Amino acid sequence: MEATKHYAIKLGTLYIKYPIFVAASDVVYADDLITRRSIEGSIFQLFGSIIDWQSKKQAIVTILTTKAKLLALLHISAWLL
């Protein structure tokens, strides 16, 4: 333990050329041919480095691409709260 206590993870660079925090999501509409559920994915970045991501099937079947994307945005915004 003593040998690694001074190690750290460095995010980004000295000059900030990225937004400090970024959250993004996208949807593949009705990709599952059997259940017709969409697959959503989201990514979180801090200083240009990925700190978290997720991908999962949506729990409900949506009939429009727009509704599937809004549902993914709802999930990502709930994670931020």
C-alpha atoms as a PDB file:
ATOM      1  CA  MET A   1       0.000   0.000   0.000  1.00  0.00           C
ATOM      2  CA  GLU A   2       2.793   2.470   0.797  1.00  0.00           C
ATOM      3  CA  ALA A   3       4.249   2.241  -2.722  1.00  0.00           C
ATOM      4  CA  THR A   4       1.083   3.532  -4.411  1.00  0.00           C
ATOM      5  CA  LYS A   5      -0.237   6.122  -1.977  1.00  0.00           C
ATOM      6  CA  HIS A   6       1.133   9.002  -4.080  1.00  0.00           C
ATOM      7  CA  TYR A   7      -0.395   7.816  -7.390  1.00  0.00           C
ATOM      8  CA  ALA A   8      -3.265   9.786  -8.934  1.00  0.00           C
ATOM      9  CA  ILE A   9      -5.409   9.950 -12.037  1.00  0.00           C
ATOM     10  CA  LYS A  10      -4.865  13.095 -14.079  1.00  0.00           C
ATOM     11  CA  LEU A  11      -7.903  14.307 -16.036  1.00  0.00           C
ATOM     12  CA  GLY A  12      -7.579  16.656 -18.974  1.00  0.00           C
ATOM     13  CA  THR A  13      -4.710  19.052 -19.553  1.00  0.00           C
ATOM     14  CA  LEU A  14      -3.317  22.186 -18.002  1.00  0.00           C
ATOM     15  CA  TYR A  15      -5.312  24.299 -20.463  1.00  0.00           C
ATOM     16  CA  ILE A  16      -9.038  23.599 -20.355  1.00  0.00           C
ATOM     17  CA  LYS A  17     -10.081  23.021 -23.956  1.00  0.00           C
ATOM     18  CA  TYR A  18     -13.086  20.859 -23.075  1.00  0.00           C
ATOM     19  CA  PRO A  19     -16.220  21.734 -21.135  1.00  0.00           C
ATOM     20  CA  ILE A  20     -15.729  20.785 -17.494  1.00  0.00           C
ATOM     21  CA  PHE A  21     -18.605  18.271 -17.389  1.00  0.00           C
ATOM     22  CA  VAL A  22     -20.475  16.687 -20.304  1.00  0.00           C
ATOM     23  CA  ALA A  23     -23.451  14.310 -20.205  1.00  0.00           C
ATOM     24  CA  ALA A  24     -24.791  12.852 -23.471  1.00  0.00           C
ATOM     25  CA  SER A  25     -27.212  10.122 -24.499  1.00  0.00           C
ATOM     26  CA  ASP A  26     -28.481   8.438 -27.646  1.00  0.00           C
ATOM     27  CA  VAL A  27     -30.975   5.737 -28.619  1.00  0.00           C
ATOM     28  CA  VAL A  28     -31.137   2.928 -31.150  1.00  0.00           C
ATOM     29  CA  TYR A  29     -34.870   2.873 -31.861  1.00  0.00           C
ATOM     30  CA  ALA A  30     -36.680  -0.505 -31.623  1.00  0.00           C
ATOM     31  CA  ASP A  31     -33.468  -2.458 -32.188  1.00  0.00           C
ATOM     32  CA  ASP A  32     -34.676  -5.616 -30.425  1.00  0.00           C
ATOM     33  CA  LEU A  33     -36.752  -7.358 -33.110  1.00  0.00           C
ATOM     34  CA  ILE A  34     -38.641  -9.585 -30.660  1.00  0.00           C
ATOM     35  CA  THR A  35     -39.665  -7.088 -27.963  1.00  0.00           C
ATOM     36  CA  ARG A  36     -39.361  -3.896 -30.123  1.00  0.00           C
ATOM     37  CA  ARG A  37     -37.688  -2.135 -27.205  1.00  0.00           C
ATOM     38  CA  SER A  38     -35.094   0.553 -27.851  1.00  0.00           C
ATOM     39  CA  ILE A  39     -31.538   0.495 -26.531  1.00  0.00           C
ATOM     40  CA  GLU A  40     -30.254   3.657 -24.873  1.00  0.00           C
ATOM     41  CA  GLY A  41     -26.738   4.641 -24.011  1.00  0.00           C
ATOM     42  CA  SER A  42     -25.243   7.514 -22.080  1.00  0.00           C
ATOM     43  CA  ILE A  43     -21.787   8.822 -21.348  1.00  0.00           C
ATOM     44  CA  PHE A  44     -20.391  11.213 -18.752  1.00  0.00           C
ATOM     45  CA  GLN A  45     -17.129  13.100 -19.229  1.00  0.00           C
ATOM     46  CA  LEU A  46     -15.091  15.241 -16.848  1.00  0.00           C
ATOM     47  CA  PHE A  47     -12.365  17.438 -18.377  1.00  0.00           C
ATOM     48  CA  GLY A  48     -12.529  15.381 -21.574  1.00  0.00           C
ATOM     49  CA  SER A  49     -12.079  12.002 -19.849  1.00  0.00           C
ATOM     50  CA  ILE A  50     -14.860   9.416 -19.597  1.00  0.00           C
ATOM     51  CA  ILE A  51     -15.844   8.857 -15.971  1.00  0.00           C
ATOM     52  CA  ASP A  52     -19.000   6.753 -16.447  1.00  0.00           C
ATOM     53  CA  TRP A  53     -21.133   5.187 -19.167  1.00  0.00           C
ATOM     54  CA  GLN A  54     -24.108   2.875 -19.446  1.00  0.00           C
ATOM     55  CA  SER A  55     -26.107   1.014 -22.069  1.00  0.00           C
ATOM     56  CA  LYS A  56     -29.420  -0.754 -21.520  1.00  0.00           C
ATOM     57  CA  LYS A  57     -32.771  -1.662 -23.039  1.00  0.00           C
ATOM     58  CA  GLN A  58     -35.552   0.731 -22.241  1.00  0.00           C
ATOM     59  CA  ALA A  59     -38.190  -0.692 -19.915  1.00  0.00           C
ATOM     60  CA  ILE A  60     -41.134   0.312 -22.119  1.00  0.00           C
ATOM     61  CA  VAL A  61     -41.898   0.098 -25.829  1.00  0.00           C
ATOM     62  CA  THR A  62     -42.123   3.511 -27.484  1.00  0.00           C
ATOM     63  CA  ILE A  63     -43.942   4.122 -30.754  1.00  0.00           C
ATOM     64  CA  LEU A  64     -41.866   7.119 -31.861  1.00  0.00           C
ATOM     65  CA  THR A  65     -38.124   7.751 -32.068  1.00  0.00           C
ATOM     66  CA  THR A  66     -38.652  11.114 -30.376  1.00  0.00           C
ATOM     67  CA  LYS A  67     -40.285   9.494 -27.350  1.00  0.00           C
ATOM     68  CA  ALA A  68     -37.435   6.980 -27.051  1.00  0.00           C
ATOM     69  CA  LYS A  69     -34.879   9.819 -27.114  1.00  0.00           C
ATOM     70  CA  LEU A  70     -36.830  11.852 -24.557  1.00  0.00           C
ATOM     71  CA  LEU A  71     -37.005   8.816 -22.284  1.00  0.00           C
ATOM     72  CA  ALA A  72     -33.210   8.449 -22.519  1.00  0.00           C
ATOM     73  CA  LEU A  73     -32.810  12.161 -21.658  1.00  0.00           C
ATOM     74  CA  LEU A  74     -35.105  11.677 -18.675  1.00  0.00           C
ATOM     75  CA  HIS A  75     -32.910   8.813 -17.423  1.00  0.00           C
ATOM     76  CA  ILE A  76     -29.682  10.773 -17.832  1.00  0.00           C
ATOM     77  CA  SER A  77     -31.125  13.850 -16.108  1.00  0.00           C
ATOM     78  CA  ALA A  78     -32.360  11.714 -13.191  1.00  0.00           C
ATOM     79  CA  TRP A  79     -28.808  10.375 -12.813  1.00  0.00           C
ATOM     80  CA  LEU A  80     -27.500  13.954 -12.535  1.00  0.00           C
ATOM     81  CA  LEU A  81     -29.848  14.864  -9.669  1.00  0.00           C
END
